[in-house]
Amino acid sequence: MIQNVINWNSSKCQGIQEDMSRVATRGQDSIMESVIPTAPEHPADEKTPDQRPDAPPDYNSHFVPGPPGPAVPPPAGYAGGSPVGYNSLQQPSTFFLYRPAVGAHPIQFQPGKYHMPSQPVPVTWMPGPPPTPNCPPGLEYLTQLDTIHVLQHFEPLEMITSFETNNGYEVKNNLDQMVYVVNEDTDDFTRNAYRTLRPFVLRVTDCTGREVMTMQRPFRCTCCCFCCPSTRQELAVQCPPGVPIGFVAEHWNLCRAVYSIQNEKKENVMRVRGPCSTYGCGSDSVFEVTSLDGVSNIGSIIRKWNGLLSAMGDADQFEIHFPLDMDVKMKAMIFGACFLIDFMYFERSPRRSSR
C-alpha cells in the first residue's frame, strides 16, 4: 500500500518536471523570436514594395504658436515706429522681409544734393515790394536794400573760340534772391570789332520780364589825348527806358580811376574814386563812393577776387553798398557805375589767334 503511494508520487513529480521543462523551452523560443526577427521569405524574382510615404509628414502640425512677445521700442530716428517698408518687431516669430511702399519709385539721386536732369534749377526771386511814391516803376526793390551783388555769367565760348559774346549778369540780395537780370544788347560786329571799347546797351529786367532800366554807353575815341573831354567815357541811365535819371562821367586822372555821378541835369552829385592799381591779383578792388569834397564816405563798389575765374576768365563779381535811406535814383546811378567800371577795367577780350 505504502509502496504504491510512493510510486504514484514519484511518477507525478516526474510529470510535473517534464511539464516545467516544456514551458521553459517554449518561453526561450518566444524570447528569441522577439529579439531576432526573421526576414520573411520572398521569391527571388519578386521586388519588395517601397515603404516610404508619398509626401513628407506635416512637421508643423504639432506646433502651437505661443503668446506674442513684449513690444520692442521703435529704433532711434523714427518717432512713429519702424521705417516704411519693414515688418514690425512685435512678434519674434515674424520673418523680416522687405515690402516696398505702394507707389514708391527707386531713388536715383541723393535728395537735396543733385537736381533731376529733366527739371530746371529753381530761381528764387525777391518778393515784389508795394508801389512807392516818387519812385520810378521797377526801382521799388532798391528802396529795401542797402547791399546788392552783381554776378557776371561765365562764357566758355569766348575762351574757346575767341568770339566776343553779349555779357549777362545776375543781381541778387544778401539772401541770394534774384532782384534783376541784366543783358547786353549789342550786335556781333560791334562787339568783336571794338572789344572793350565798344558802345553797348544794357537792359535791366525784373522777375516779370519787364524792362525797368536801360544803360547806354556811346562810343568814344581813345586815339586823341587822354585829357581831351571827347575821349572820356560816359554812361547814361534811363528809368523807365527813355527817361534819363542821371549820368556817370569819367574824369581824367594820372594815378587812379575817378568818376562823377550826375543827375538828369548833368549836375555833379557824388564822386567815385578807385584804387591806384585796379589789377590787383589775389585781393579785392574797392571803388569808394564819396561826397564831392571827398570828406564823407557814402558807399562803395567792390570787385571781388574770384580766384582763377578772375585771373583767366571773364566772370566778375561785384558787391555794391549804399545807405538804406538813400534816394532810389542815386542808388540806381551807383548801380550803373558798376557796369562802366567793369567794361573799362575788368572786361577781358579773348585773345585772337596770330597767323
Protein backbone atom coordinates (compact mmCIF):
# COMPACT_ATOMS: atom_id res chain seq x y z
CA MET A 1 0.00 0.00 0.00
CA ILE A 2 2.66 2.37 1.06
CA GLN A 3 4.81 1.34 -1.83
CA ASN A 4 2.01 2.17 -4.28
CA VAL A 5 1.66 5.66 -2.85
CA ILE A 6 5.35 6.33 -3.23
CA ASN A 7 5.40 5.19 -6.85
CA TRP A 8 2.39 7.37 -7.64
CA ASN A 9 4.05 10.44 -6.14
CA SER A 10 7.27 9.88 -7.99
CA SER A 11 5.51 9.45 -11.29
CA LYS A 12 3.51 12.59 -10.65
CA CYS A 13 6.62 14.66 -9.80
CA GLN A 14 8.32 13.41 -12.94
CA GLY A 15 5.33 14.55 -14.97
CA ILE A 16 5.41 17.92 -13.34
CA GLN A 17 9.14 18.30 -14.12
CA GLU A 18 8.53 17.36 -17.76
CA ASP A 19 5.74 19.95 -17.98
CA MET A 20 8.01 22.63 -16.49
CA SER A 21 10.82 21.83 -18.91
CA ARG A 22 8.38 22.11 -21.86
CA VAL A 23 7.18 25.52 -20.62
CA ALA A 24 10.77 26.76 -20.19
CA THR A 25 11.67 25.59 -23.69
CA ARG A 26 8.66 27.39 -25.22
CA GLY A 27 9.49 30.63 -23.27
CA GLN A 28 13.05 30.65 -24.60
CA ASP A 29 11.82 30.12 -28.17
CA SER A 30 9.34 33.03 -27.85
CA ILE A 31 12.01 35.31 -26.43
CA MET A 32 14.45 34.53 -29.24
CA GLU A 33 11.79 35.14 -31.85
CA SER A 34 11.06 38.61 -30.35
CA VAL A 35 14.75 39.57 -30.17
CA ILE A 36 15.94 38.28 -33.53
CA PRO A 37 13.20 38.70 -36.10
CA THR A 38 13.46 36.57 -39.13
CA ALA A 39 13.12 38.07 -42.57
CA PRO A 40 10.12 36.92 -44.50
CA GLU A 41 10.77 34.61 -47.34
CA HIS A 42 10.12 36.11 -50.77
CA PRO A 43 10.70 34.74 -54.20
CA ALA A 44 13.93 35.81 -55.90
CA ASP A 45 12.16 37.46 -58.84
CA GLU A 46 9.64 39.45 -56.71
CA LYS A 47 10.62 43.07 -55.78
CA THR A 48 9.98 44.48 -52.35
CA PRO A 49 7.50 47.44 -52.47
CA ASP A 50 8.76 50.89 -51.36
CA GLN A 51 7.52 51.53 -47.85
CA ARG A 52 8.40 55.35 -47.94
CA PRO A 53 5.44 57.76 -47.86
CA ASP A 54 4.47 59.74 -50.93
CA ALA A 55 4.74 63.17 -49.18
CA PRO A 56 6.75 64.29 -46.15
CA PRO A 57 4.80 64.42 -42.94
CA ASP A 58 3.49 67.75 -41.66
CA TYR A 59 6.12 68.62 -39.10
CA ASN A 60 4.30 71.81 -38.11
CA SER A 61 1.08 70.01 -37.29
CA HIS A 62 2.16 69.67 -33.71
CA PHE A 63 3.30 73.37 -33.46
CA VAL A 64 1.07 75.63 -31.39
CA PRO A 65 2.03 79.37 -31.52
CA GLY A 66 2.54 80.93 -28.14
CA PRO A 67 1.56 84.37 -26.92
CA PRO A 68 3.20 87.42 -28.58
CA GLY A 69 6.41 88.66 -27.04
CA PRO A 70 6.96 92.05 -25.44
CA ALA A 71 6.74 95.13 -27.64
CA VAL A 72 10.10 96.39 -28.93
CA PRO A 73 10.60 100.19 -28.82
CA PRO A 74 10.97 101.90 -32.24
CA PRO A 75 14.53 102.48 -33.43
CA ALA A 76 16.19 105.86 -32.96
CA GLY A 77 15.23 108.42 -35.56
CA TYR A 78 11.76 107.01 -36.25
CA ALA A 79 9.27 108.62 -33.90
CA GLY A 80 6.28 106.83 -35.38
CA GLY A 81 7.70 103.30 -35.36
CA SER A 82 9.58 101.22 -37.88
CA PRO A 83 10.57 102.69 -41.27
CA VAL A 84 8.15 102.35 -44.16
CA GLY A 85 8.59 99.03 -45.94
CA TYR A 86 9.79 96.93 -42.99
CA ASN A 87 7.92 94.49 -40.74
CA SER A 88 7.17 95.41 -37.17
CA LEU A 89 9.28 93.86 -34.41
CA GLN A 90 6.30 92.95 -32.25
CA GLN A 91 6.41 89.13 -32.66
CA PRO A 92 9.69 87.21 -32.52
CA SER A 93 8.33 84.55 -34.91
CA THR A 94 7.83 87.06 -37.76
CA PHE A 95 10.14 86.79 -40.75
CA PHE A 96 11.82 90.10 -41.67
CA LEU A 97 11.00 90.71 -45.30
CA TYR A 98 11.29 93.94 -47.27
CA ARG A 99 7.97 95.21 -48.58
CA PRO A 100 8.21 98.34 -50.76
CA ALA A 101 5.61 101.03 -50.20
CA VAL A 102 2.77 101.27 -52.67
CA GLY A 103 3.55 103.73 -55.47
CA ALA A 104 7.18 104.18 -54.39
CA HIS A 105 9.83 104.73 -57.05
CA PRO A 106 13.54 103.92 -56.79
CA ILE A 107 15.70 106.82 -55.64
CA GLN A 108 18.21 107.76 -58.32
CA PHE A 109 19.71 110.88 -56.76
CA GLN A 110 20.53 111.85 -53.19
CA PRO A 111 17.81 114.30 -52.05
CA GLY A 112 18.97 117.90 -51.69
CA LYS A 113 22.29 117.42 -53.45
CA TYR A 114 21.62 116.79 -57.12
CA HIS A 115 18.95 118.21 -59.39
CA MET A 116 16.93 115.98 -61.64
CA PRO A 117 18.20 116.17 -65.24
CA SER A 118 14.71 116.89 -66.60
CA GLN A 119 13.97 119.69 -64.12
CA PRO A 120 15.47 123.21 -64.33
CA VAL A 121 17.22 124.69 -61.35
CA PRO A 122 14.67 126.73 -59.42
CA VAL A 123 15.29 130.50 -59.17
CA THR A 124 14.17 132.32 -56.05
CA TRP A 125 13.13 135.90 -56.68
CA MET A 126 12.88 138.67 -54.16
CA PRO A 127 9.24 139.37 -53.23
CA GLY A 128 7.89 142.40 -55.05
CA PRO A 129 7.50 145.44 -52.77
CA PRO A 130 4.40 147.64 -52.93
CA PRO A 131 4.47 150.78 -55.10
CA THR A 132 6.40 153.65 -53.54
CA PRO A 133 5.59 157.33 -54.18
CA ASN A 134 8.19 159.39 -56.06
CA CYS A 135 9.90 156.17 -57.18
CA PRO A 136 10.32 155.18 -60.85
CA PRO A 137 8.45 151.96 -61.62
CA GLY A 138 10.67 148.91 -61.13
CA LEU A 139 13.07 150.54 -58.64
CA GLU A 140 10.94 149.67 -55.60
CA TYR A 141 13.31 146.76 -54.90
CA LEU A 142 16.21 149.16 -54.26
CA THR A 143 14.23 151.01 -51.57
CA GLN A 144 14.51 147.91 -49.33
CA LEU A 145 18.18 147.12 -49.98
CA ASP A 146 21.50 148.51 -48.82
CA THR A 147 23.66 145.82 -50.47
CA ILE A 148 23.38 144.15 -53.87
CA HIS A 149 25.58 141.57 -55.59
CA VAL A 150 26.29 141.64 -59.32
CA LEU A 151 27.42 138.29 -60.76
CA GLN A 152 28.60 138.09 -64.35
CA HIS A 153 27.89 134.93 -66.34
CA PHE A 154 30.89 132.85 -67.32
CA GLU A 155 31.10 132.31 -71.09
CA PRO A 156 33.42 129.40 -72.01
CA LEU A 157 32.67 130.01 -75.71
CA GLU A 158 34.74 133.20 -75.56
CA MET A 159 37.80 131.35 -74.25
CA ILE A 160 37.50 128.53 -76.80
CA THR A 161 36.58 130.38 -79.99
CA SER A 162 37.83 133.94 -79.21
CA PHE A 163 34.37 135.17 -80.22
CA GLU A 164 33.07 138.01 -78.07
CA THR A 165 29.52 137.35 -76.83
CA ASN A 166 26.98 139.53 -75.07
CA ASN A 167 27.56 139.90 -71.36
CA GLY A 168 24.96 138.71 -68.88
CA TYR A 169 24.62 139.49 -65.19
CA GLU A 170 22.52 138.45 -62.23
CA VAL A 171 21.68 140.91 -59.45
CA LYS A 172 20.95 139.37 -56.04
CA ASN A 173 20.44 140.49 -52.47
CA ASN A 174 22.09 139.18 -49.29
CA LEU A 175 19.56 136.32 -49.11
CA ASP A 176 20.68 135.06 -52.55
CA GLN A 177 17.34 136.10 -54.02
CA MET A 178 17.24 137.34 -57.58
CA VAL A 179 16.46 141.05 -57.90
CA TYR A 180 17.26 141.88 -61.55
CA VAL A 181 18.67 140.29 -64.67
CA VAL A 182 20.97 142.42 -66.87
CA ASN A 183 21.66 141.51 -70.52
CA GLU A 184 23.79 143.26 -73.09
CA ASP A 185 22.17 144.12 -76.41
CA THR A 186 24.97 144.71 -78.94
CA ASP A 187 25.41 143.35 -82.47
CA ASP A 188 28.16 140.86 -83.27
CA PHE A 189 30.21 143.20 -85.46
CA THR A 190 30.38 145.96 -82.86
CA ARG A 191 31.34 143.56 -80.07
CA ASN A 192 34.15 141.88 -81.99
CA ALA A 193 35.41 144.99 -83.77
CA TYR A 194 35.70 147.33 -80.78
CA ARG A 195 36.01 144.75 -77.98
CA THR A 196 36.25 146.51 -74.59
CA LEU A 197 35.81 149.98 -76.14
CA ARG A 198 32.53 149.05 -77.80
CA PRO A 199 29.37 151.06 -77.28
CA PHE A 200 26.70 148.97 -75.62
CA VAL A 201 23.14 148.91 -74.33
CA LEU A 202 22.33 147.07 -71.10
CA ARG A 203 18.73 146.15 -70.40
CA VAL A 204 17.66 145.50 -66.80
CA THR A 205 14.56 143.33 -66.31
CA ASP A 206 12.69 142.19 -63.22
CA CYS A 207 11.01 138.88 -62.33
CA THR A 208 8.15 139.51 -64.77
CA GLY A 209 10.49 140.17 -67.70
CA ARG A 210 9.61 143.88 -67.71
CA GLU A 211 12.43 146.21 -68.68
CA VAL A 212 12.78 148.63 -65.79
CA MET A 213 16.10 150.29 -66.62
CA THR A 214 18.32 150.91 -69.64
CA MET A 215 22.03 151.84 -69.63
CA GLN A 216 23.72 153.23 -72.74
CA ARG A 217 27.39 153.83 -73.36
CA PRO A 218 28.27 155.84 -76.51
CA PHE A 219 31.45 155.24 -78.46
CA ARG A 220 34.39 157.45 -77.51
CA CYS A 221 37.63 157.52 -79.49
CA THR A 222 40.74 156.99 -77.39
CA CYS A 223 43.28 157.86 -80.08
CA CYS A 224 43.48 161.52 -79.04
CA CYS A 225 44.99 162.92 -75.88
CA PHE A 226 43.62 161.38 -72.69
CA CYS A 227 42.93 164.80 -71.20
CA CYS A 228 40.59 165.71 -74.07
CA PRO A 229 36.93 165.73 -72.93
CA SER A 230 35.82 163.94 -76.09
CA THR A 231 37.76 160.81 -75.11
CA ARG A 232 36.26 160.41 -71.66
CA GLN A 233 33.83 157.56 -71.15
CA GLU A 234 30.23 158.20 -70.16
CA LEU A 235 27.19 156.11 -69.21
CA ALA A 236 23.56 157.26 -69.36
CA VAL A 237 20.97 155.63 -67.08
CA GLN A 238 17.29 155.69 -68.04
CA CYS A 239 14.44 154.59 -65.80
CA PRO A 240 11.95 153.86 -67.16
CA PRO A 241 13.57 153.34 -70.59
CA GLY A 242 13.65 156.60 -72.46
CA VAL A 243 13.58 158.79 -69.32
CA PRO A 244 17.11 159.73 -68.15
CA ILE A 245 17.69 159.88 -64.41
CA GLY A 246 21.45 160.54 -64.42
CA PHE A 247 24.90 160.05 -65.94
CA VAL A 248 28.23 158.55 -64.92
CA ALA A 249 31.13 160.60 -66.35
CA GLU A 250 34.83 159.71 -66.31
CA HIS A 251 37.42 162.25 -65.11
CA TRP A 252 40.99 162.17 -66.30
CA ASN A 253 43.46 161.23 -63.59
CA LEU A 254 47.05 160.11 -63.86
CA CYS A 255 47.05 157.63 -60.95
CA ARG A 256 43.57 156.25 -60.38
CA ALA A 257 40.07 155.91 -61.77
CA VAL A 258 37.79 158.86 -60.95
CA TYR A 259 34.13 159.26 -61.91
CA SER A 260 31.38 161.75 -61.26
CA ILE A 261 27.79 160.68 -60.65
CA GLN A 262 25.43 163.28 -62.10
CA ASN A 263 21.69 163.82 -62.02
CA GLU A 264 19.43 164.20 -65.05
CA LYS A 265 20.63 167.82 -65.46
CA LYS A 266 24.29 166.66 -65.54
CA GLU A 267 25.00 168.27 -62.19
CA ASN A 268 27.66 166.52 -60.13
CA VAL A 269 26.20 164.84 -57.05
CA MET A 270 28.76 162.26 -55.92
CA ARG A 271 32.25 161.10 -56.79
CA VAL A 272 33.74 157.63 -57.26
CA ARG A 273 37.44 157.07 -56.57
CA GLY A 274 39.16 153.81 -57.45
CA PRO A 275 42.44 152.31 -56.22
CA CYS A 276 45.80 153.18 -57.71
CA SER A 277 46.03 149.69 -59.20
CA THR A 278 42.84 148.04 -60.36
CA TYR A 279 44.60 144.89 -61.48
CA GLY A 280 45.38 143.52 -58.05
CA CYS A 281 45.94 139.78 -58.02
CA GLY A 282 44.55 137.90 -55.05
CA SER A 283 42.76 140.90 -53.48
CA ASP A 284 39.56 142.88 -53.93
CA SER A 285 39.44 146.20 -55.79
CA VAL A 286 37.50 148.85 -53.85
CA PHE A 287 35.95 151.91 -55.51
CA GLU A 288 34.77 154.34 -52.85
CA VAL A 289 31.66 156.47 -53.34
CA THR A 290 32.17 159.79 -51.56
CA SER A 291 30.75 163.27 -51.46
CA LEU A 292 32.03 165.89 -53.88
CA ASP A 293 34.55 167.23 -51.36
CA GLY A 294 35.77 163.73 -50.57
CA VAL A 295 35.10 164.01 -46.83
CA SER A 296 32.01 161.83 -46.39
CA ASN A 297 32.07 158.18 -47.39
CA ILE A 298 28.67 157.28 -48.86
CA GLY A 299 29.14 153.76 -50.21
CA SER A 300 31.42 151.52 -52.21
CA ILE A 301 31.69 149.32 -55.30
CA ILE A 302 33.89 146.29 -54.59
CA ARG A 303 35.12 143.98 -57.29
CA LYS A 304 35.53 140.63 -55.53
CA TRP A 305 38.50 138.40 -56.24
CA ASN A 306 37.18 135.10 -57.59
CA GLY A 307 40.29 133.00 -57.98
CA LEU A 308 41.08 131.57 -61.40
CA LEU A 309 37.86 132.92 -62.88
CA SER A 310 39.05 136.44 -62.09
CA ALA A 311 42.55 135.80 -63.43
CA MET A 312 41.77 133.82 -66.59
CA GLY A 313 38.04 134.03 -67.28
CA ASP A 314 35.59 136.86 -67.73
CA ALA A 315 33.21 136.23 -64.81
CA ASP A 316 33.48 139.19 -62.45
CA GLN A 317 31.63 139.62 -59.17
CA PHE A 318 30.78 142.97 -57.62
CA GLU A 319 29.38 143.98 -54.27
CA ILE A 320 27.66 147.37 -54.02
CA HIS A 321 26.95 149.16 -50.73
CA PHE A 322 24.87 152.31 -50.20
CA PRO A 323 22.72 153.74 -47.37
CA LEU A 324 19.29 152.21 -46.94
CA ASP A 325 17.54 155.60 -46.81
CA MET A 326 19.35 156.97 -49.86
CA ASP A 327 17.40 158.40 -52.81
CA VAL A 328 16.45 155.47 -55.02
CA LYS A 329 17.61 157.30 -58.15
CA MET A 330 21.10 157.74 -56.71
CA LYS A 331 21.12 154.05 -55.80
CA ALA A 332 20.39 153.29 -59.44
CA MET A 333 23.23 155.60 -60.51
CA ILE A 334 25.75 153.80 -58.26
CA PHE A 335 24.40 150.55 -59.65
CA GLY A 336 25.02 151.81 -63.20
CA ALA A 337 28.56 153.00 -62.40
CA CYS A 338 29.42 149.39 -61.55
CA PHE A 339 28.95 148.32 -65.19
CA LEU A 340 31.02 151.16 -66.63
CA ILE A 341 33.84 150.20 -64.25
CA ASP A 342 33.54 146.57 -65.30
CA PHE A 343 33.83 147.32 -69.02
CA MET A 344 36.72 149.74 -68.60
CA TYR A 345 38.96 147.83 -66.16
CA PHE A 346 37.85 144.20 -65.81
CA GLU A 347 36.42 143.21 -69.19
CA ARG A 348 38.93 140.87 -70.84
CA SER A 349 38.73 140.29 -74.55
CA PRO A 350 39.63 136.77 -75.73
CA ARG A 351 42.99 136.53 -77.42
CA ARG A 352 42.93 136.36 -81.17
CA SER A 353 44.98 133.65 -82.83
CA SER A 354 48.03 135.10 -84.61
CA ARG A 355 48.71 133.92 -88.16
